Amino acid sequence: MQPSAPPLLCIEEPELGMHPDAVALIAEMLTDASKRMQLVVTTHSDTLVSELTEQAESIVVCERVGEGTSLRRIAAGELGFWLDQYRLGEIWRIGEIGGNP
């Protein structure tokens, strides 16, 4: 018998309605939950993305391209210079990883 796949949990913008100081706690809980299940989390929060700087490869940038959508996983190795000086959310906000309007 093959082991079953872990459950999938999708959460849209978990930071909405939360106090900004709670975002770090949300990120910690998401990271912990990701060890037991597959998570898909959408966000527009640079603070939440910053909390995941140590797991940069877990971030997938979604961008509209023509009539479709492009999905691209972040490669932390390509951001070495930036990650030495900034957190991931800051790098996103200044437009270095895409996903901006």
N, C-alpha and C. Protein backbone atom coordinates (compact mmCIF):
# COMPACT_ATOMS: atom_id res chain seq x y z
N MET A 1 0.84 -1.18 0.00
CA MET A 1 0.00 0.00 0.00
C MET A 1 0.89 1.25 0.00
N GLN A 2 0.62 2.15 -0.93
CA GLN A 2 1.39 3.38 -1.02
C GLN A 2 0.91 4.38 0.03
N PRO A 3 1.86 5.17 0.58
CA PRO A 3 1.44 6.20 1.54
C PRO A 3 0.60 7.25 0.82
N SER A 4 -0.38 7.77 1.52
CA SER A 4 -1.23 8.79 0.92
C SER A 4 -0.50 10.13 0.90
N ALA A 5 -0.89 10.95 -0.03
CA ALA A 5 -0.32 12.29 -0.14
C ALA A 5 -0.76 13.12 1.05
N PRO A 6 0.07 14.06 1.48
CA PRO A 6 -0.35 14.91 2.60
C PRO A 6 -1.53 15.77 2.18
N PRO A 7 -2.33 16.17 3.13
CA PRO A 7 -3.48 17.02 2.80
C PRO A 7 -3.00 18.36 2.22
N LEU A 8 -3.88 18.98 1.48
CA LEU A 8 -3.60 20.28 0.88
C LEU A 8 -4.49 21.31 1.55
N LEU A 9 -3.89 22.40 1.98
CA LEU A 9 -4.63 23.50 2.59
C LEU A 9 -4.30 24.76 1.81
N CYS A 10 -5.34 25.46 1.35
CA CYS A 10 -5.16 26.72 0.62
C CYS A 10 -5.73 27.86 1.48
N ILE A 11 -4.94 28.91 1.65
CA ILE A 11 -5.34 30.05 2.46
C ILE A 11 -5.11 31.31 1.65
N GLU A 12 -6.14 32.12 1.56
CA GLU A 12 -6.03 33.38 0.83
C GLU A 12 -5.84 34.53 1.80
N GLU A 13 -4.72 35.21 1.68
CA GLU A 13 -4.38 36.39 2.45
C GLU A 13 -4.67 36.25 3.94
N PRO A 14 -3.93 35.38 4.63
CA PRO A 14 -4.19 35.15 6.05
C PRO A 14 -3.94 36.38 6.92
N GLU A 15 -3.22 37.36 6.39
CA GLU A 15 -2.90 38.54 7.18
C GLU A 15 -4.04 39.55 7.28
N LEU A 16 -5.07 39.38 6.45
CA LEU A 16 -6.17 40.35 6.46
C LEU A 16 -6.88 40.35 7.80
N GLY A 17 -7.09 41.51 8.34
CA GLY A 17 -7.79 41.65 9.60
C GLY A 17 -6.93 41.36 10.82
N MET A 18 -5.66 41.06 10.60
CA MET A 18 -4.76 40.76 11.70
C MET A 18 -3.97 42.00 12.09
N HIS A 19 -3.60 42.06 13.34
CA HIS A 19 -2.69 43.10 13.78
C HIS A 19 -1.33 42.84 13.11
N PRO A 20 -0.66 43.87 12.62
CA PRO A 20 0.62 43.66 11.92
C PRO A 20 1.65 42.88 12.73
N ASP A 21 1.62 43.01 14.04
CA ASP A 21 2.58 42.28 14.87
C ASP A 21 2.29 40.78 14.89
N ALA A 22 1.09 40.38 14.49
CA ALA A 22 0.72 38.96 14.50
C ALA A 22 1.21 38.24 13.24
N VAL A 23 1.65 38.97 12.25
CA VAL A 23 2.05 38.36 10.98
C VAL A 23 3.23 37.41 11.18
N ALA A 24 4.17 37.76 12.06
CA ALA A 24 5.30 36.87 12.33
C ALA A 24 4.81 35.54 12.92
N LEU A 25 3.81 35.60 13.77
CA LEU A 25 3.25 34.38 14.35
C LEU A 25 2.56 33.54 13.28
N ILE A 26 1.84 34.20 12.37
CA ILE A 26 1.19 33.49 11.26
C ILE A 26 2.25 32.77 10.43
N ALA A 27 3.33 33.47 10.10
CA ALA A 27 4.40 32.86 9.30
C ALA A 27 5.00 31.65 10.01
N GLU A 28 5.19 31.76 11.30
CA GLU A 28 5.74 30.65 12.07
C GLU A 28 4.78 29.45 12.04
N MET A 29 3.49 29.71 12.19
CA MET A 29 2.51 28.62 12.16
C MET A 29 2.43 27.99 10.77
N LEU A 30 2.51 28.81 9.72
CA LEU A 30 2.47 28.28 8.36
C LEU A 30 3.70 27.40 8.09
N THR A 31 4.86 27.86 8.53
CA THR A 31 6.08 27.08 8.34
C THR A 31 5.99 25.75 9.07
N ASP A 32 5.47 25.77 10.28
CA ASP A 32 5.31 24.54 11.04
C ASP A 32 4.30 23.60 10.35
N ALA A 33 3.17 24.15 9.91
CA ALA A 33 2.15 23.33 9.25
C ALA A 33 2.66 22.74 7.94
N SER A 34 3.57 23.45 7.26
CA SER A 34 4.08 22.96 5.98
C SER A 34 4.90 21.68 6.12
N LYS A 35 5.29 21.35 7.34
CA LYS A 35 6.01 20.10 7.58
C LYS A 35 5.08 18.90 7.59
N ARG A 36 3.78 19.17 7.75
CA ARG A 36 2.79 18.09 7.83
C ARG A 36 1.84 18.05 6.64
N MET A 37 1.78 19.12 5.88
CA MET A 37 0.83 19.19 4.77
C MET A 37 1.35 20.15 3.71
N GLN A 38 0.75 20.06 2.55
CA GLN A 38 1.08 20.99 1.47
C GLN A 38 0.23 22.24 1.66
N LEU A 39 0.86 23.41 1.58
CA LEU A 39 0.16 24.68 1.74
C LEU A 39 0.28 25.51 0.48
N VAL A 40 -0.81 26.18 0.14
CA VAL A 40 -0.81 27.20 -0.89
C VAL A 40 -1.39 28.44 -0.21
N VAL A 41 -0.57 29.47 -0.09
CA VAL A 41 -0.97 30.69 0.61
C VAL A 41 -0.76 31.86 -0.34
N THR A 42 -1.80 32.66 -0.52
CA THR A 42 -1.66 33.88 -1.32
C THR A 42 -1.55 35.06 -0.37
N THR A 43 -0.79 36.06 -0.78
CA THR A 43 -0.64 37.24 0.06
C THR A 43 -0.25 38.45 -0.77
N HIS A 44 -0.57 39.61 -0.25
CA HIS A 44 -0.07 40.88 -0.77
C HIS A 44 0.73 41.57 0.33
N SER A 45 1.11 40.81 1.35
CA SER A 45 1.80 41.36 2.51
C SER A 45 3.30 41.18 2.38
N ASP A 46 4.02 42.29 2.20
CA ASP A 46 5.47 42.20 2.17
C ASP A 46 6.01 41.77 3.54
N THR A 47 5.27 42.07 4.60
CA THR A 47 5.69 41.64 5.94
C THR A 47 5.66 40.12 6.05
N LEU A 48 4.58 39.49 5.55
CA LEU A 48 4.49 38.03 5.59
C LEU A 48 5.59 37.41 4.73
N VAL A 49 5.81 37.95 3.55
CA VAL A 49 6.87 37.43 2.68
C VAL A 49 8.23 37.59 3.36
N SER A 50 8.46 38.71 4.03
CA SER A 50 9.73 38.91 4.74
C SER A 50 9.95 37.87 5.82
N GLU A 51 8.88 37.47 6.48
CA GLU A 51 9.00 36.47 7.53
C GLU A 51 9.44 35.11 6.98
N LEU A 52 9.31 34.93 5.67
CA LEU A 52 9.70 33.68 5.02
C LEU A 52 11.03 33.77 4.30
N THR A 53 11.83 34.80 4.62
CA THR A 53 13.11 35.02 3.95
C THR A 53 14.00 33.79 4.00
N GLU A 54 14.01 33.09 5.12
CA GLU A 54 14.87 31.91 5.26
C GLU A 54 14.40 30.75 4.39
N GLN A 55 13.14 30.80 3.92
CA GLN A 55 12.60 29.77 3.03
C GLN A 55 12.26 30.38 1.68
N ALA A 56 13.14 31.22 1.15
CA ALA A 56 12.86 31.95 -0.09
C ALA A 56 12.40 31.03 -1.22
N GLU A 57 12.96 29.83 -1.29
CA GLU A 57 12.60 28.90 -2.36
C GLU A 57 11.16 28.42 -2.27
N SER A 58 10.51 28.65 -1.14
CA SER A 58 9.11 28.23 -1.00
C SER A 58 8.15 29.25 -1.61
N ILE A 59 8.66 30.40 -2.04
CA ILE A 59 7.83 31.46 -2.61
C ILE A 59 7.71 31.26 -4.12
N VAL A 60 6.49 31.32 -4.62
CA VAL A 60 6.23 31.27 -6.05
C VAL A 60 5.62 32.62 -6.44
N VAL A 61 6.26 33.29 -7.38
CA VAL A 61 5.80 34.59 -7.85
C VAL A 61 4.83 34.38 -9.00
N CYS A 62 3.65 34.97 -8.88
CA CYS A 62 2.62 34.87 -9.92
C CYS A 62 2.51 36.21 -10.62
N GLU A 63 2.55 36.17 -11.95
CA GLU A 63 2.45 37.39 -12.74
C GLU A 63 1.55 37.16 -13.94
N ARG A 64 0.80 38.17 -14.27
CA ARG A 64 -0.03 38.11 -15.48
C ARG A 64 0.86 38.36 -16.69
N VAL A 65 0.78 37.46 -17.65
CA VAL A 65 1.55 37.58 -18.88
C VAL A 65 0.58 37.44 -20.03
N GLY A 66 0.30 38.54 -20.70
CA GLY A 66 -0.68 38.51 -21.79
C GLY A 66 -2.03 38.06 -21.27
N GLU A 67 -2.53 36.97 -21.84
CA GLU A 67 -3.83 36.42 -21.45
C GLU A 67 -3.71 35.33 -20.38
N GLY A 68 -2.48 35.06 -19.93
CA GLY A 68 -2.28 33.97 -18.98
C GLY A 68 -1.55 34.41 -17.73
N THR A 69 -1.13 33.43 -16.96
CA THR A 69 -0.41 33.67 -15.72
C THR A 69 0.89 32.90 -15.73
N SER A 70 1.95 33.54 -15.30
CA SER A 70 3.25 32.92 -15.18
C SER A 70 3.52 32.64 -13.70
N LEU A 71 3.96 31.42 -13.40
CA LEU A 71 4.34 31.04 -12.04
C LEU A 71 5.83 30.73 -12.04
N ARG A 72 6.56 31.37 -11.14
CA ARG A 72 8.01 31.19 -11.10
C ARG A 72 8.46 31.08 -9.65
N ARG A 73 9.17 29.99 -9.34
CA ARG A 73 9.70 29.80 -7.99
C ARG A 73 10.93 30.68 -7.81
N ILE A 74 11.05 31.30 -6.65
CA ILE A 74 12.21 32.14 -6.35
C ILE A 74 13.43 31.25 -6.14
N ALA A 75 14.53 31.64 -6.72
CA ALA A 75 15.81 30.97 -6.51
C ALA A 75 16.66 31.87 -5.62
N ALA A 76 16.77 31.51 -4.35
CA ALA A 76 17.50 32.35 -3.40
C ALA A 76 18.92 32.60 -3.86
N GLY A 77 19.54 31.63 -4.54
CA GLY A 77 20.90 31.80 -5.03
C GLY A 77 21.05 32.98 -5.97
N GLU A 78 20.00 33.27 -6.72
CA GLU A 78 20.03 34.39 -7.65
C GLU A 78 19.84 35.72 -6.94
N LEU A 79 19.42 35.68 -5.68
CA LEU A 79 19.16 36.90 -4.92
C LEU A 79 20.20 37.14 -3.84
N GLY A 80 21.32 36.41 -3.92
CA GLY A 80 22.34 36.48 -2.87
C GLY A 80 22.71 37.89 -2.47
N PHE A 81 23.01 38.75 -3.44
CA PHE A 81 23.39 40.12 -3.16
C PHE A 81 22.29 40.83 -2.38
N TRP A 82 21.05 40.68 -2.84
CA TRP A 82 19.92 41.36 -2.20
C TRP A 82 19.64 40.80 -0.82
N LEU A 83 19.67 39.45 -0.69
CA LEU A 83 19.35 38.83 0.60
C LEU A 83 20.39 39.11 1.67
N ASP A 84 21.59 39.50 1.26
CA ASP A 84 22.60 39.90 2.24
C ASP A 84 22.25 41.23 2.89
N GLN A 85 21.43 42.03 2.21
CA GLN A 85 21.15 43.38 2.69
C GLN A 85 19.69 43.63 3.06
N TYR A 86 18.78 42.84 2.51
CA TYR A 86 17.35 43.10 2.68
C TYR A 86 16.60 41.81 2.99
N ARG A 87 15.41 41.98 3.52
CA ARG A 87 14.51 40.85 3.72
C ARG A 87 13.72 40.66 2.42
N LEU A 88 13.17 39.47 2.24
CA LEU A 88 12.52 39.11 0.99
C LEU A 88 11.37 40.04 0.62
N GLY A 89 10.56 40.44 1.59
CA GLY A 89 9.45 41.35 1.31
C GLY A 89 9.91 42.70 0.80
N GLU A 90 11.04 43.17 1.32
CA GLU A 90 11.60 44.44 0.84
C GLU A 90 12.07 44.30 -0.60
N ILE A 91 12.68 43.17 -0.92
CA ILE A 91 13.14 42.92 -2.28
C ILE A 91 11.95 42.87 -3.23
N TRP A 92 10.87 42.25 -2.80
CA TRP A 92 9.64 42.19 -3.60
C TRP A 92 9.08 43.59 -3.82
N ARG A 93 9.02 44.38 -2.72
CA ARG A 93 8.42 45.71 -2.81
C ARG A 93 9.16 46.62 -3.77
N ILE A 94 10.49 46.48 -3.87
CA ILE A 94 11.23 47.34 -4.79
C ILE A 94 11.27 46.78 -6.22
N GLY A 95 10.63 45.62 -6.43
CA GLY A 95 10.44 45.11 -7.79
C GLY A 95 11.51 44.17 -8.30
N GLU A 96 12.37 43.65 -7.42
CA GLU A 96 13.46 42.80 -7.87
C GLU A 96 13.07 41.34 -8.10
N ILE A 97 11.92 40.89 -7.60
CA ILE A 97 11.53 39.50 -7.83
C ILE A 97 10.25 39.38 -8.67
N GLY A 98 9.67 40.49 -9.06
CA GLY A 98 8.45 40.46 -9.86
C GLY A 98 7.21 40.37 -8.99
N GLY A 99 6.10 40.11 -9.63
CA GLY A 99 4.84 40.01 -8.92
C GLY A 99 4.27 41.36 -8.54
N ASN A 100 4.77 42.41 -9.16
CA ASN A 100 4.27 43.77 -8.91
C ASN A 100 3.37 44.20 -10.06
N PRO A 101 2.40 45.07 -9.77
CA PRO A 101 1.52 45.55 -10.87
C PRO A 101 2.28 46.41 -11.87
